[in-house]
Protein backbone atom coordinates (compact mmCIF):
# COMPACT_ATOMS: atom_id res chain seq x y z
CA MET A 1 41.68 -62.59 -181.85
CA LYS A 2 44.27 -60.53 -184.34
CA ALA A 3 41.46 -60.02 -186.66
CA LEU A 4 39.03 -58.57 -183.72
CA VAL A 5 41.24 -56.35 -182.40
CA ALA A 6 42.11 -54.95 -185.93
CA ALA A 7 38.19 -55.03 -186.95
CA LEU A 8 38.12 -52.61 -183.24
CA LEU A 9 40.81 -50.87 -183.93
CA ALA A 10 39.61 -49.60 -187.69
CA THR A 11 36.31 -49.16 -186.19
CA TYR A 12 38.20 -46.14 -183.52
CA LEU A 13 40.69 -44.97 -186.55
CA GLY A 14 37.49 -44.03 -188.92
CA ILE A 15 36.92 -46.91 -191.23
CA THR A 16 32.92 -46.39 -191.53
CA SER A 17 29.75 -49.01 -191.64
CA ALA A 18 29.32 -47.20 -195.33
CA MET A 19 32.79 -48.00 -196.00
CA ALA A 20 32.61 -51.60 -194.75
CA ALA A 21 29.43 -52.17 -196.51
CA ASP A 22 30.76 -52.50 -199.72
CA VAL A 23 32.62 -55.60 -198.90
CA PRO A 24 30.30 -58.67 -199.31
CA PRO A 25 30.32 -61.64 -196.85
CA THR A 26 32.78 -63.98 -198.36
CA SER A 27 30.75 -67.22 -198.01
CA VAL A 28 27.36 -68.25 -197.25
CA ALA A 29 28.14 -69.33 -194.18
CA ASP A 30 29.10 -65.68 -193.15
CA GLN A 31 25.92 -64.06 -194.60
CA ASN A 32 24.00 -66.92 -192.61
CA VAL A 33 25.81 -65.17 -189.57
CA VAL A 34 25.09 -61.57 -190.65
CA ALA A 35 21.46 -62.58 -191.22
CA THR A 36 21.04 -64.00 -187.65
CA MET A 37 23.06 -60.95 -186.17
CA LYS A 38 20.46 -58.49 -188.14
CA GLN A 39 17.44 -60.63 -186.48
CA LEU A 40 18.97 -60.58 -183.01
CA ALA A 41 19.65 -56.75 -183.15
CA GLN A 42 15.84 -56.37 -183.96
CA ALA A 43 14.97 -59.16 -181.32
CA TRP A 44 16.85 -57.11 -178.86
CA GLY A 45 14.98 -54.10 -179.24
CA ASP A 46 11.83 -55.88 -179.67
CA SER A 47 12.35 -57.17 -176.50
CA THR A 48 13.17 -54.11 -175.06
CA VAL A 49 10.34 -52.29 -175.63
CA THR A 50 7.76 -55.49 -174.37
CA GLY A 51 9.97 -55.82 -171.43
CA ASP A 52 10.67 -59.44 -172.35
CA VAL A 53 13.61 -59.74 -169.95
CA ASP A 54 13.67 -63.48 -170.64
CA ARG A 55 14.35 -63.03 -174.56
CA LEU A 56 17.06 -60.76 -173.46
CA GLY A 57 18.65 -63.01 -170.95
CA GLN A 58 19.02 -65.65 -174.00
CA ILE A 59 20.61 -62.79 -176.53
CA LEU A 60 23.05 -61.70 -173.22
CA ALA A 61 25.72 -63.86 -172.16
CA ASP A 62 26.11 -64.43 -168.23
CA ASP A 63 29.59 -62.24 -168.95
CA TRP A 64 28.16 -59.70 -170.84
CA SER A 65 29.00 -56.02 -169.92
CA SER A 66 28.59 -52.82 -171.81
CA PHE A 67 30.12 -49.18 -171.23
CA GLY A 68 27.43 -46.71 -172.56
CA GLY A 69 27.35 -42.83 -172.82
CA SER A 70 27.70 -42.38 -168.86
CA GLY A 71 31.09 -44.61 -169.15
CA LYS A 72 29.96 -46.80 -166.58
CA PRO A 73 30.42 -50.63 -166.62
CA THR A 74 26.81 -52.42 -166.57
CA ASP A 75 26.73 -56.18 -166.09
CA LYS A 76 23.70 -58.71 -167.51
CA ALA A 77 22.35 -58.69 -163.78
CA SER A 78 21.90 -55.01 -163.65
CA PHE A 79 20.72 -54.17 -167.09
CA LEU A 80 17.86 -56.84 -166.86
CA GLY A 81 16.93 -55.32 -163.43
CA SER A 82 16.92 -52.12 -164.18
CA LEU A 83 14.72 -52.66 -167.38
CA LYS A 84 12.40 -54.87 -164.93
CA ALA A 85 11.99 -52.17 -162.34
CA GLY A 86 11.09 -49.80 -165.43
CA LYS A 87 14.20 -47.49 -164.84
CA HIS A 88 15.14 -47.83 -168.53
CA LYS A 89 11.81 -47.79 -171.24
CA LEU A 90 12.36 -48.48 -174.47
CA GLU A 91 8.97 -47.07 -176.37
CA SER A 92 10.23 -47.54 -179.59
CA PHE A 93 13.01 -47.76 -181.95
CA GLU A 94 14.02 -48.04 -185.74
CA LEU A 95 17.06 -49.54 -186.71
CA GLY A 96 19.34 -47.91 -189.24
CA PRO A 97 22.73 -49.34 -191.34
CA MET A 98 23.71 -51.67 -189.62
CA ASP A 99 27.58 -53.80 -190.46
CA VAL A 100 28.59 -57.15 -189.30
CA LYS A 101 32.41 -58.79 -189.50
CA VAL A 102 32.39 -62.36 -189.33
CA LEU A 103 35.34 -63.72 -187.53
CA GLY A 104 34.82 -67.17 -187.24
CA ASP A 105 32.88 -67.40 -183.82
CA VAL A 106 33.35 -63.91 -183.24
CA ALA A 107 30.59 -61.30 -184.86
CA VAL A 108 31.38 -57.48 -184.55
CA VAL A 109 28.04 -55.87 -184.90
CA GLN A 110 28.06 -51.83 -185.75
CA GLY A 111 24.82 -50.05 -186.22
CA ILE A 112 22.72 -46.78 -185.94
CA VAL A 113 19.58 -46.85 -184.32
CA THR A 114 16.99 -43.97 -183.83
CA GLU A 115 15.29 -44.81 -179.86
CA LYS A 116 12.43 -42.91 -178.56
CA ARG A 117 13.19 -44.18 -174.51
CA THR A 118 13.21 -42.58 -171.31
CA ASP A 119 16.36 -43.37 -168.26
CA ASP A 120 15.34 -42.75 -164.72
CA GLY A 121 12.36 -40.64 -165.91
CA LYS A 122 14.36 -38.56 -168.10
CA ASP A 123 13.77 -38.62 -172.05
CA THR A 124 16.85 -39.73 -173.58
CA SER A 125 15.36 -40.13 -177.11
CA GLY A 126 17.44 -39.66 -180.00
CA LYS A 127 20.20 -41.27 -182.34
CA TYR A 128 22.64 -43.50 -181.13
CA VAL A 129 25.45 -45.79 -182.96
CA TRP A 130 26.53 -48.61 -180.77
CA MET A 131 28.71 -51.96 -181.25
CA ASP A 132 27.87 -55.32 -179.86
CA VAL A 133 30.64 -58.24 -179.81
CA PHE A 134 28.94 -61.90 -180.53
CA VAL A 135 30.33 -65.04 -179.87
CA LYS A 136 29.44 -68.45 -180.93
CA ARG A 137 28.75 -70.74 -178.02
CA ALA A 138 27.25 -74.19 -177.71
CA ASP A 139 25.83 -73.41 -181.39
CA LYS A 140 24.19 -70.60 -180.31
CA TRP A 141 25.11 -66.38 -180.83
CA VAL A 142 25.57 -64.40 -177.09
CA CYS A 143 26.18 -60.55 -177.19
CA VAL A 144 29.10 -60.69 -174.88
CA ARG A 145 30.08 -57.05 -175.21
CA SER A 146 28.42 -53.82 -176.35
CA THR A 147 28.82 -50.08 -176.24
CA GLY A 148 26.86 -47.06 -177.62
CA PHE A 149 26.68 -43.64 -177.65
CA ARG A 150 24.67 -40.67 -178.83
CA ALA A 151 25.34 -39.68 -182.36
CA LYS A 152 26.23 -35.87 -183.04
């Protein structure tokens, strides 16, 4: 837990993905987790584009929550419901640089994504920075927390 707190503090104190990218994962197991996290990031975006809320529901833990640019919390049911209702539509996305910090059964993932999307009918396309926290539960990685903001 101390390592997770340290990683999160480092993020907000200005340690960038570029700085962390120079340090390779320390083990083959960590390298496998990094690959899994990158696959999950791609699957998350692909599922959002296609509207596959069942697949998204598998990626998100039941206790998942997020604070986005609006500063308002969102839980799993609200997020999936808004996608189903068409309130949020992701037309396309391109993942940019991504950094994964493996801390045992926790993985902190930071990245950049360029999106073409609408929220409540308004074009909100742009470049975003994001961070997800995944936990390994019952031999499966699930996201428990997320945040993302428009890059300047």
